[in-house]
């Protein structure tokens, strides 16, 4: 085989290797981009879920607080009634 043929074959092999490397590099970039997008979506979903949970907790605590307040007021009124204490001024 002549030196020219060997150089040609070496050039072909190098071009094929560069092509494969380019494809592999693009595949890695695509995978990283997809992973980044999935992570961002998961983070947004978690944030939305946390916000919804916070709103539900706030509503529940507010409702419970109102119920406790009403029960306490009823207890005070009951004690006043039992003792005959009135709020006349």
C-alpha atoms as a PDB file:
ATOM      1  CA  UNK A   1       0.000   0.000   0.000  1.00  0.00           C
ATOM      2  CA  UNK A   2       1.370   3.389  -0.885  1.00  0.00           C
ATOM      3  CA  UNK A   3       1.936   6.206   1.525  1.00  0.00           C
ATOM      4  CA  UNK A   4      -0.754   8.171  -0.277  1.00  0.00           C
ATOM      5  CA  UNK A   5      -3.300   5.403   0.250  1.00  0.00           C
ATOM      6  CA  UNK A   6      -2.297   5.071   3.915  1.00  0.00           C
ATOM      7  CA  UNK A   7      -2.688   8.815   4.435  1.00  0.00           C
ATOM      8  CA  UNK A   8      -6.070   8.701   2.732  1.00  0.00           C
ATOM      9  CA  UNK A   9      -7.225   5.819   4.951  1.00  0.00           C
ATOM     10  CA  UNK A  10      -5.935   7.582   8.048  1.00  0.00           C
ATOM     11  CA  UNK A  11      -7.825  10.719   7.051  1.00  0.00           C
ATOM     12  CA  UNK A  12     -11.011   8.739   6.537  1.00  0.00           C
ATOM     13  CA  UNK A  13     -10.625   7.063   9.918  1.00  0.00           C
ATOM     14  CA  UNK A  14     -10.037  10.422  11.588  1.00  0.00           C
ATOM     15  CA  UNK A  15     -13.088  11.955   9.883  1.00  0.00           C
ATOM     16  CA  UNK A  16     -15.245   9.017  10.959  1.00  0.00           C
ATOM     17  CA  UNK A  17     -13.980   9.330  14.544  1.00  0.00           C
ATOM     18  CA  UNK A  18     -14.698  13.070  14.559  1.00  0.00           C
ATOM     19  CA  UNK A  19     -18.196  12.424  13.218  1.00  0.00           C
ATOM     20  CA  UNK A  20     -18.880   9.860  15.923  1.00  0.00           C
ATOM     21  CA  UNK A  21     -17.448  12.190  18.568  1.00  0.00           C
ATOM     22  CA  UNK A  22     -19.676  15.007  17.336  1.00  0.00           C
ATOM     23  CA  UNK A  23     -22.758  12.785  17.467  1.00  0.00           C
ATOM     24  CA  UNK A  24     -21.852  11.565  20.948  1.00  0.00           C
ATOM     25  CA  UNK A  25     -21.236  15.127  22.127  1.00  0.00           C
ATOM     26  CA  UNK A  26     -24.616  16.248  20.791  1.00  0.00           C
ATOM     27  CA  UNK A  27     -26.305  13.269  22.439  1.00  0.00           C
ATOM     28  CA  UNK A  28     -24.728  14.193  25.786  1.00  0.00           C
ATOM     29  CA  UNK A  29     -25.837  17.817  25.358  1.00  0.00           C
ATOM     30  CA  UNK A  30     -29.381  16.719  24.517  1.00  0.00           C
ATOM     31  CA  UNK A  31     -29.509  14.396  27.534  1.00  0.00           C
ATOM     32  CA  UNK A  32     -28.240  17.151  29.833  1.00  0.00           C
ATOM     33  CA  UNK A  33     -30.774  19.598  28.440  1.00  0.00           C
ATOM     34  CA  UNK A  34     -33.587  17.101  28.932  1.00  0.00           C
ATOM     35  CA  UNK A  35     -32.457  16.390  32.501  1.00  0.00           C
ATOM     36  CA  UNK A  36     -32.316  20.130  33.223  1.00  0.00           C
ATOM     37  CA  UNK A  37     -35.837  20.601  31.867  1.00  0.00           C
ATOM     38  CA  UNK A  38     -37.170  17.684  33.913  1.00  0.00           C
ATOM     39  CA  UNK A  39     -35.513  19.024  37.043  1.00  0.00           C
ATOM     40  CA  UNK A  40     -36.971  22.486  36.457  1.00  0.00           C
ATOM     41  CA  UNK A  41     -40.432  21.000  35.923  1.00  0.00           C
ATOM     42  CA  UNK A  42     -40.150  18.892  39.067  1.00  0.00           C
ATOM     43  CA  UNK A  43     -39.023  21.911  41.082  1.00  0.00           C
ATOM     44  CA  UNK A  44     -41.929  24.000  39.786  1.00  0.00           C
ATOM     45  CA  UNK A  45     -44.376  21.214  40.572  1.00  0.00           C
ATOM     46  CA  UNK A  46     -42.993  20.886  44.100  1.00  0.00           C
ATOM     47  CA  UNK A  47     -43.232  24.637  44.585  1.00  0.00           C
ATOM     48  CA  UNK A  48     -46.833  24.697  43.365  1.00  0.00           C
ATOM     49  CA  UNK A  49     -47.718  21.783  45.620  1.00  0.00           C
ATOM     50  CA  UNK A  50     -46.090  23.447  48.628  1.00  0.00           C
ATOM     51  CA  UNK A  51     -47.970  26.682  47.962  1.00  0.00           C
ATOM     52  CA  UNK A  52     -51.267  24.811  47.707  1.00  0.00           C
ATOM     53  CA  UNK A  53     -50.523  22.977  50.953  1.00  0.00           C
ATOM     54  CA  UNK A  54     -49.676  26.253  52.647  1.00  0.00           C
ATOM     55  CA  UNK A  55     -52.958  27.799  51.530  1.00  0.00           C
ATOM     56  CA  UNK A  56     -54.920  24.774  52.717  1.00  0.00           C
ATOM     57  CA  UNK A  57     -53.129  24.799  56.070  1.00  0.00           C
ATOM     58  CA  UNK A  58     -53.799  28.502  56.525  1.00  0.00           C
ATOM     59  CA  UNK A  59     -57.496  28.011  55.826  1.00  0.00           C
ATOM     60  CA  UNK A  60     -57.687  25.040  58.169  1.00  0.00           C
ATOM     61  CA  UNK A  61     -55.911  26.857  60.994  1.00  0.00           C
ATOM     62  CA  UNK A  62     -58.067  29.943  60.545  1.00  0.00           C
ATOM     63  CA  UNK A  63     -61.245  27.852  60.622  1.00  0.00           C
ATOM     64  CA  UNK A  64     -60.046  25.936  63.688  1.00  0.00           C
ATOM     65  CA  UNK A  65     -59.153  29.185  65.423  1.00  0.00           C
ATOM     66  CA  UNK A  66     -62.622  30.557  64.789  1.00  0.00           C
ATOM     67  CA  UNK A  67     -64.191  27.392  66.184  1.00  0.00           C
ATOM     68  CA  UNK A  68     -62.057  27.563  69.343  1.00  0.00           C
ATOM     69  CA  UNK A  69     -62.899  31.242  69.763  1.00  0.00           C
ATOM     70  CA  UNK A  70     -66.622  30.529  69.409  1.00  0.00           C
ATOM     71  CA  UNK A  71     -66.460  27.631  71.868  1.00  0.00           C
ATOM     72  CA  UNK A  72     -64.625  29.813  74.401  1.00  0.00           C
ATOM     73  CA  UNK A  73     -67.207  32.570  74.022  1.00  0.00           C
ATOM     74  CA  UNK A  74     -70.018  30.054  74.515  1.00  0.00           C
ATOM     75  CA  UNK A  75     -68.295  28.762  77.658  1.00  0.00           C
ATOM     76  CA  UNK A  76     -67.956  32.308  79.022  1.00  0.00           C
ATOM     77  CA  UNK A  77     -71.612  33.023  78.260  1.00  0.00           C
ATOM     78  CA  UNK A  78     -72.630  29.752  79.923  1.00  0.00           C
ATOM     79  CA  UNK A  79     -70.650  30.543  83.078  1.00  0.00           C
ATOM     80  CA  UNK A  80     -72.081  34.066  83.206  1.00  0.00           C
ATOM     81  CA  UNK A  81     -75.583  32.694  82.795  1.00  0.00           C
ATOM     82  CA  UNK A  82     -75.035  30.103  85.501  1.00  0.00           C
ATOM     83  CA  UNK A  83     -73.697  32.720  87.922  1.00  0.00           C
ATOM     84  CA  UNK A  84     -76.337  35.257  86.985  1.00  0.00           C
ATOM     85  CA  UNK A  85     -73.791  37.808  85.775  1.00  0.00           C
ATOM     86  CA  UNK A  86     -75.046  40.107  83.044  1.00  0.00           C
ATOM     87  CA  UNK A  87     -73.342  42.660  80.849  1.00  0.00           C
ATOM     88  CA  UNK A  88     -75.723  45.507  81.825  1.00  0.00           C
ATOM     89  CA  UNK A  89     -74.072  48.868  82.037  1.00  0.00           C
END
